[in-house]
């Protein structure tokens, strides 16, 4: 269902900005369905950019809050930031496994191959399935 003709893209953009990009809340302001807002956004690259920009602003705000908390001494958040942003400095969750003296890990075992003969529909045309 498309948004009513009387609602402009500018009105939709304003509602999305006011409601932080949440389609359902913008739809309430506009008096249309969430699906109608979603369809207009999908069909209009300018509205899509508005939604993308709102998402970036929200991420920036979250990052600022995290960094302020780190500056205030929140060790848990500091470790999270180091795991995400400090990988080049040796922080992170990645664990590298090596063999003796840093060499390759030796794997021992056996591999079995089973060949099953399948009776072909045409006896003159045999086939083998691995």
N, C-alpha and C. Protein backbone atom coordinates (compact mmCIF):
# COMPACT_ATOMS: atom_id res chain seq x y z
N UNK A 1 0.85 -1.17 0.00
CA UNK A 1 0.00 0.00 0.00
C UNK A 1 0.89 1.22 0.00
N UNK A 2 0.72 2.11 -0.93
CA UNK A 2 1.52 3.33 -1.04
C UNK A 2 0.99 4.38 -0.08
N UNK A 3 1.86 5.28 0.34
CA UNK A 3 1.43 6.38 1.20
C UNK A 3 0.49 7.27 0.41
N UNK A 4 -0.47 7.89 1.08
CA UNK A 4 -1.40 8.78 0.37
C UNK A 4 -0.66 9.86 -0.39
N UNK A 5 -1.29 10.30 -1.48
CA UNK A 5 -0.68 11.27 -2.39
C UNK A 5 -0.32 12.56 -1.67
N UNK A 6 -1.07 12.96 -0.66
CA UNK A 6 -0.84 14.23 0.03
C UNK A 6 0.41 14.26 0.90
N UNK A 7 1.08 13.14 1.08
CA UNK A 7 2.26 13.11 1.93
C UNK A 7 3.50 13.17 1.04
N UNK A 8 4.28 14.22 1.23
CA UNK A 8 5.46 14.41 0.39
C UNK A 8 6.66 13.64 0.96
N UNK A 9 7.66 13.50 0.12
CA UNK A 9 8.91 12.88 0.57
C UNK A 9 9.55 13.70 1.68
N UNK A 10 9.40 15.03 1.61
CA UNK A 10 9.94 15.90 2.65
C UNK A 10 9.24 15.62 3.98
N UNK A 11 7.92 15.43 3.95
CA UNK A 11 7.17 15.10 5.17
C UNK A 11 7.65 13.76 5.74
N UNK A 12 7.87 12.80 4.87
CA UNK A 12 8.35 11.49 5.32
C UNK A 12 9.74 11.62 5.92
N UNK A 13 10.61 12.37 5.27
CA UNK A 13 11.97 12.57 5.78
C UNK A 13 11.94 13.24 7.15
N UNK A 14 11.11 14.28 7.31
CA UNK A 14 10.99 14.96 8.61
C UNK A 14 10.51 14.00 9.70
N UNK A 15 9.52 13.18 9.38
CA UNK A 15 9.01 12.23 10.35
C UNK A 15 10.07 11.20 10.73
N UNK A 16 10.82 10.73 9.74
CA UNK A 16 11.88 9.77 10.02
C UNK A 16 12.97 10.38 10.89
N UNK A 17 13.34 11.62 10.60
CA UNK A 17 14.35 12.30 11.42
C UNK A 17 13.85 12.48 12.84
N UNK A 18 12.62 12.94 12.98
CA UNK A 18 12.03 13.17 14.30
C UNK A 18 11.97 11.87 15.12
N UNK A 19 11.72 10.75 14.44
CA UNK A 19 11.55 9.47 15.13
C UNK A 19 12.76 8.55 14.98
N UNK A 20 13.92 9.15 14.70
CA UNK A 20 15.21 8.42 14.66
C UNK A 20 15.23 7.26 13.68
N UNK A 21 14.52 7.41 12.57
CA UNK A 21 14.57 6.41 11.51
C UNK A 21 13.67 5.20 11.73
N UNK A 22 12.88 5.22 12.77
CA UNK A 22 11.99 4.08 13.06
C UNK A 22 10.72 4.23 12.24
N UNK A 23 10.56 3.34 11.26
CA UNK A 23 9.45 3.45 10.31
C UNK A 23 8.09 3.46 11.00
N UNK A 24 7.87 2.59 11.95
CA UNK A 24 6.55 2.50 12.61
C UNK A 24 6.20 3.80 13.30
N UNK A 25 7.17 4.43 13.95
CA UNK A 25 6.90 5.68 14.66
C UNK A 25 6.68 6.83 13.67
N UNK A 26 7.45 6.86 12.60
CA UNK A 26 7.23 7.87 11.57
C UNK A 26 5.85 7.69 10.94
N UNK A 27 5.45 6.46 10.72
CA UNK A 27 4.14 6.17 10.12
C UNK A 27 3.00 6.69 11.00
N UNK A 28 3.17 6.55 12.33
CA UNK A 28 2.14 7.06 13.25
C UNK A 28 1.94 8.56 13.07
N UNK A 29 3.04 9.28 12.99
CA UNK A 29 2.96 10.74 12.80
C UNK A 29 2.25 11.07 11.49
N UNK A 30 2.55 10.30 10.46
CA UNK A 30 2.01 10.58 9.12
C UNK A 30 0.60 10.03 8.92
N UNK A 31 0.16 9.16 9.81
CA UNK A 31 -1.17 8.56 9.69
C UNK A 31 -1.26 7.50 8.60
N UNK A 32 -0.13 6.81 8.36
CA UNK A 32 -0.10 5.74 7.36
C UNK A 32 0.48 4.49 8.01
N UNK A 33 0.53 3.42 7.25
CA UNK A 33 1.09 2.18 7.78
C UNK A 33 2.61 2.21 7.72
N UNK A 34 3.22 1.36 8.53
CA UNK A 34 4.66 1.20 8.50
C UNK A 34 5.09 0.74 7.10
N UNK A 35 4.33 -0.17 6.52
CA UNK A 35 4.65 -0.70 5.18
C UNK A 35 4.65 0.41 4.14
N UNK A 36 3.74 1.37 4.28
CA UNK A 36 3.69 2.48 3.32
C UNK A 36 4.96 3.31 3.40
N UNK A 37 5.44 3.57 4.62
CA UNK A 37 6.69 4.32 4.78
C UNK A 37 7.85 3.51 4.20
N UNK A 38 7.90 2.23 4.52
CA UNK A 38 8.99 1.37 4.03
C UNK A 38 9.01 1.33 2.50
N UNK A 39 7.84 1.26 1.88
CA UNK A 39 7.79 1.23 0.41
C UNK A 39 8.28 2.53 -0.19
N UNK A 40 7.90 3.66 0.40
CA UNK A 40 8.36 4.95 -0.12
C UNK A 40 9.87 5.08 0.03
N UNK A 41 10.40 4.65 1.17
CA UNK A 41 11.85 4.71 1.39
C UNK A 41 12.57 3.82 0.39
N UNK A 42 12.06 2.63 0.19
CA UNK A 42 12.69 1.68 -0.74
C UNK A 42 12.68 2.24 -2.17
N UNK A 43 11.63 2.96 -2.53
CA UNK A 43 11.48 3.46 -3.90
C UNK A 43 12.23 4.78 -4.14
N UNK A 44 12.70 5.42 -3.06
CA UNK A 44 13.29 6.75 -3.22
C UNK A 44 14.71 6.78 -2.64
N UNK A 45 15.73 6.90 -3.48
CA UNK A 45 17.12 6.92 -2.99
C UNK A 45 17.40 8.06 -2.01
N UNK A 46 16.72 9.19 -2.15
CA UNK A 46 16.93 10.29 -1.22
C UNK A 46 16.42 9.93 0.18
N UNK A 47 15.26 9.29 0.25
CA UNK A 47 14.74 8.85 1.55
C UNK A 47 15.62 7.75 2.14
N UNK A 48 16.12 6.87 1.29
CA UNK A 48 17.03 5.81 1.75
C UNK A 48 18.27 6.44 2.38
N UNK A 49 18.79 7.49 1.75
CA UNK A 49 19.96 8.19 2.28
C UNK A 49 19.64 8.83 3.62
N UNK A 50 18.46 9.39 3.77
CA UNK A 50 18.06 9.98 5.05
C UNK A 50 18.11 8.92 6.14
N UNK A 51 17.54 7.73 5.85
CA UNK A 51 17.52 6.64 6.83
C UNK A 51 18.95 6.19 7.14
N UNK A 52 19.78 6.04 6.11
CA UNK A 52 21.18 5.65 6.33
C UNK A 52 21.93 6.67 7.17
N UNK A 53 21.70 7.96 6.90
CA UNK A 53 22.36 9.03 7.66
C UNK A 53 21.91 9.02 9.12
N UNK A 54 20.64 8.78 9.35
CA UNK A 54 20.14 8.70 10.73
C UNK A 54 20.85 7.55 11.46
N UNK A 55 21.00 6.41 10.79
CA UNK A 55 21.70 5.28 11.39
C UNK A 55 23.14 5.62 11.74
N UNK A 56 23.81 6.37 10.87
CA UNK A 56 25.19 6.77 11.14
C UNK A 56 25.27 7.72 12.33
N UNK A 57 24.32 8.63 12.45
CA UNK A 57 24.30 9.55 13.58
C UNK A 57 24.10 8.77 14.88
N UNK A 58 23.21 7.78 14.84
CA UNK A 58 22.97 6.97 16.03
C UNK A 58 24.25 6.21 16.41
N UNK A 59 24.96 5.64 15.43
CA UNK A 59 26.22 4.96 15.72
C UNK A 59 27.24 5.93 16.30
N UNK A 60 27.33 7.12 15.73
CA UNK A 60 28.27 8.13 16.26
C UNK A 60 27.93 8.45 17.72
N UNK A 61 26.66 8.60 18.02
CA UNK A 61 26.23 8.91 19.39
C UNK A 61 26.61 7.77 20.33
N UNK A 62 26.38 6.54 19.89
CA UNK A 62 26.75 5.38 20.71
C UNK A 62 28.25 5.34 20.95
N UNK A 63 29.03 5.57 19.90
CA UNK A 63 30.49 5.58 20.06
C UNK A 63 30.92 6.67 21.04
N UNK A 64 30.34 7.83 20.95
CA UNK A 64 30.70 8.91 21.86
C UNK A 64 30.40 8.53 23.30
N UNK A 65 29.27 7.89 23.51
CA UNK A 65 28.89 7.45 24.85
C UNK A 65 29.87 6.41 25.38
N UNK A 66 30.25 5.46 24.52
CA UNK A 66 31.22 4.44 24.93
C UNK A 66 32.55 5.09 25.28
N UNK A 67 33.05 5.97 24.42
CA UNK A 67 34.34 6.60 24.67
C UNK A 67 34.31 7.46 25.93
N UNK A 68 33.20 8.13 26.19
CA UNK A 68 33.08 8.92 27.43
C UNK A 68 33.14 7.99 28.64
N UNK A 69 32.49 6.84 28.54
CA UNK A 69 32.53 5.87 29.64
C UNK A 69 33.93 5.31 29.84
N UNK A 70 34.65 5.07 28.75
CA UNK A 70 36.03 4.59 28.84
C UNK A 70 36.88 5.66 29.53
N UNK A 71 36.73 6.92 29.13
CA UNK A 71 37.48 8.01 29.77
C UNK A 71 37.16 8.12 31.26
N UNK A 72 35.92 7.73 31.63
CA UNK A 72 35.51 7.77 33.04
C UNK A 72 35.98 6.54 33.81
N UNK A 73 36.68 5.61 33.11
CA UNK A 73 37.28 4.48 33.80
C UNK A 73 36.52 3.16 33.73
N UNK A 74 35.57 3.03 32.82
CA UNK A 74 34.83 1.77 32.71
C UNK A 74 35.72 0.72 32.04
N UNK A 75 36.30 -0.17 32.85
CA UNK A 75 37.27 -1.16 32.36
C UNK A 75 36.63 -2.16 31.39
N UNK A 76 35.39 -2.55 31.65
CA UNK A 76 34.73 -3.52 30.77
C UNK A 76 34.57 -2.94 29.37
N UNK A 77 34.11 -1.73 29.30
CA UNK A 77 33.98 -1.08 27.99
C UNK A 77 35.34 -0.86 27.35
N UNK A 78 36.34 -0.51 28.16
CA UNK A 78 37.69 -0.32 27.63
C UNK A 78 38.17 -1.61 26.96
N UNK A 79 37.94 -2.75 27.59
CA UNK A 79 38.36 -4.03 27.01
C UNK A 79 37.58 -4.32 25.72
N UNK A 80 36.31 -4.00 25.71
CA UNK A 80 35.51 -4.20 24.49
C UNK A 80 36.06 -3.36 23.34
N UNK A 81 36.41 -2.11 23.64
CA UNK A 81 36.97 -1.22 22.61
C UNK A 81 38.30 -1.78 22.12
N UNK A 82 39.15 -2.22 23.05
CA UNK A 82 40.44 -2.77 22.65
C UNK A 82 40.27 -4.02 21.78
N UNK A 83 39.31 -4.88 22.12
CA UNK A 83 39.08 -6.09 21.31
C UNK A 83 38.62 -5.74 19.90
N UNK A 84 37.82 -4.70 19.78
CA UNK A 84 37.30 -4.32 18.47
C UNK A 84 38.26 -3.44 17.67
N UNK A 85 38.91 -2.50 18.34
CA UNK A 85 39.71 -1.50 17.64
C UNK A 85 41.22 -1.68 17.81
N UNK A 86 41.63 -2.53 18.77
CA UNK A 86 43.05 -2.65 19.07
C UNK A 86 43.69 -3.93 18.57
N UNK A 87 43.09 -4.54 17.57
CA UNK A 87 43.63 -5.82 17.05
C UNK A 87 45.06 -5.68 16.56
N UNK A 88 45.37 -4.57 15.90
CA UNK A 88 46.72 -4.37 15.36
C UNK A 88 47.75 -4.25 16.48
N UNK A 89 47.28 -3.98 17.69
CA UNK A 89 48.18 -3.86 18.84
C UNK A 89 48.17 -5.13 19.70
N UNK A 90 47.54 -6.18 19.18
CA UNK A 90 47.57 -7.46 19.89
C UNK A 90 46.36 -7.74 20.75
N UNK A 91 45.37 -6.86 20.75
CA UNK A 91 44.16 -7.11 21.53
C UNK A 91 43.14 -7.80 20.64
N UNK A 92 42.29 -8.60 21.22
CA UNK A 92 41.25 -9.27 20.47
C UNK A 92 41.00 -10.65 21.00
N UNK A 93 40.04 -11.32 20.40
CA UNK A 93 39.65 -12.66 20.84
C UNK A 93 40.27 -13.76 20.00
N UNK A 94 41.01 -13.40 18.98
CA UNK A 94 41.58 -14.39 18.08
C UNK A 94 42.69 -15.16 18.79
N UNK A 95 42.63 -16.48 18.70
CA UNK A 95 43.67 -17.32 19.27
C UNK A 95 44.31 -18.10 18.14
N UNK A 96 45.62 -18.02 18.04
CA UNK A 96 46.33 -18.72 16.98
C UNK A 96 46.98 -19.96 17.58
N UNK A 97 46.72 -21.10 17.00
CA UNK A 97 47.29 -22.35 17.47
C UNK A 97 48.44 -22.75 16.57
N UNK A 98 49.53 -23.18 17.21
CA UNK A 98 50.68 -23.67 16.43
C UNK A 98 51.18 -24.95 17.06
N UNK A 99 51.99 -25.65 16.31
CA UNK A 99 52.61 -26.87 16.81
C UNK A 99 53.88 -26.54 17.59
N UNK A 100 54.71 -27.55 17.79
CA UNK A 100 55.96 -27.38 18.54
C UNK A 100 56.83 -26.30 17.91
N UNK A 101 57.40 -25.45 18.74
CA UNK A 101 58.29 -24.37 18.31
C UNK A 101 57.66 -23.45 17.27
N UNK A 102 56.35 -23.28 17.34
CA UNK A 102 55.66 -22.38 16.43
C UNK A 102 55.41 -22.94 15.05
N UNK A 103 55.72 -24.22 14.85
CA UNK A 103 55.53 -24.85 13.54
C UNK A 103 54.09 -25.29 13.32
N UNK A 104 53.92 -26.03 12.24
CA UNK A 104 52.59 -26.52 11.87
C UNK A 104 52.11 -27.57 12.88
N UNK A 105 50.82 -27.66 13.02
CA UNK A 105 50.22 -28.69 13.87
C UNK A 105 50.16 -29.98 13.06
N UNK A 106 50.69 -31.05 13.63
CA UNK A 106 50.68 -32.35 12.97
C UNK A 106 49.35 -33.04 13.27
N UNK A 107 48.69 -33.50 12.25
CA UNK A 107 47.41 -34.19 12.40
C UNK A 107 47.61 -35.62 11.94
N UNK A 108 47.25 -36.56 12.81
CA UNK A 108 47.39 -37.98 12.46
C UNK A 108 46.00 -38.60 12.38
N UNK A 109 45.87 -39.55 11.54
CA UNK A 109 44.59 -40.23 11.40
C UNK A 109 44.54 -40.97 10.09
N UNK A 110 43.39 -41.49 9.80
CA UNK A 110 43.24 -42.20 8.54
C UNK A 110 42.02 -41.69 7.80
N UNK A 111 42.05 -41.85 6.53
CA UNK A 111 40.93 -41.44 5.69
C UNK A 111 40.44 -42.67 4.96
N UNK A 112 39.15 -42.87 4.98
CA UNK A 112 38.58 -44.03 4.28
C UNK A 112 37.70 -43.53 3.15
N UNK A 113 37.78 -44.19 2.03
CA UNK A 113 36.93 -43.90 0.89
C UNK A 113 36.04 -45.10 0.68
N UNK A 114 34.76 -44.85 0.62
CA UNK A 114 33.80 -45.93 0.41
C UNK A 114 33.25 -45.79 -1.00
N UNK A 115 33.35 -46.84 -1.75
CA UNK A 115 32.80 -46.86 -3.11
C UNK A 115 31.61 -47.79 -3.08
N UNK A 116 30.49 -47.26 -3.49
CA UNK A 116 29.26 -48.03 -3.49
C UNK A 116 28.82 -48.25 -4.93
N UNK A 117 28.54 -49.48 -5.26
CA UNK A 117 28.08 -49.78 -6.60
C UNK A 117 26.56 -49.65 -6.60
N UNK A 118 26.05 -48.86 -7.54
CA UNK A 118 24.62 -48.66 -7.67
C UNK A 118 24.17 -49.35 -8.95
N UNK A 119 23.19 -50.21 -8.80
CA UNK A 119 22.67 -50.92 -9.96
C UNK A 119 22.06 -49.91 -10.93
N UNK A 120 22.62 -49.77 -12.12
CA UNK A 120 22.09 -48.79 -13.07
C UNK A 120 20.74 -49.22 -13.63
N UNK A 121 19.96 -48.20 -14.05
CA UNK A 121 18.68 -48.51 -14.68
C UNK A 121 18.90 -49.27 -15.97
N UNK A 122 20.00 -48.95 -16.66
CA UNK A 122 20.36 -49.63 -17.89
C UNK A 122 21.62 -50.46 -17.60
N UNK A 123 21.54 -51.78 -17.58
CA UNK A 123 22.69 -52.62 -17.24
C UNK A 123 23.91 -52.41 -18.14
N UNK A 124 23.71 -51.87 -19.34
CA UNK A 124 24.83 -51.62 -20.23
C UNK A 124 25.55 -50.30 -19.89
N UNK A 125 25.04 -49.53 -18.90
CA UNK A 125 25.61 -48.22 -18.57
C UNK A 125 25.86 -48.17 -17.06
N UNK A 126 26.94 -48.81 -16.57
CA UNK A 126 27.20 -48.83 -15.12
C UNK A 126 27.68 -47.46 -14.63
N UNK A 127 27.39 -47.17 -13.36
CA UNK A 127 27.87 -45.92 -12.77
C UNK A 127 28.35 -46.22 -11.35
N UNK A 128 29.34 -45.44 -10.93
CA UNK A 128 29.89 -45.61 -9.58
C UNK A 128 29.66 -44.31 -8.84
N UNK A 129 29.18 -44.40 -7.60
CA UNK A 129 28.94 -43.23 -6.77
C UNK A 129 29.96 -43.24 -5.64
N UNK A 130 30.70 -42.15 -5.48
CA UNK A 130 31.67 -42.05 -4.37
C UNK A 130 31.01 -41.42 -3.19
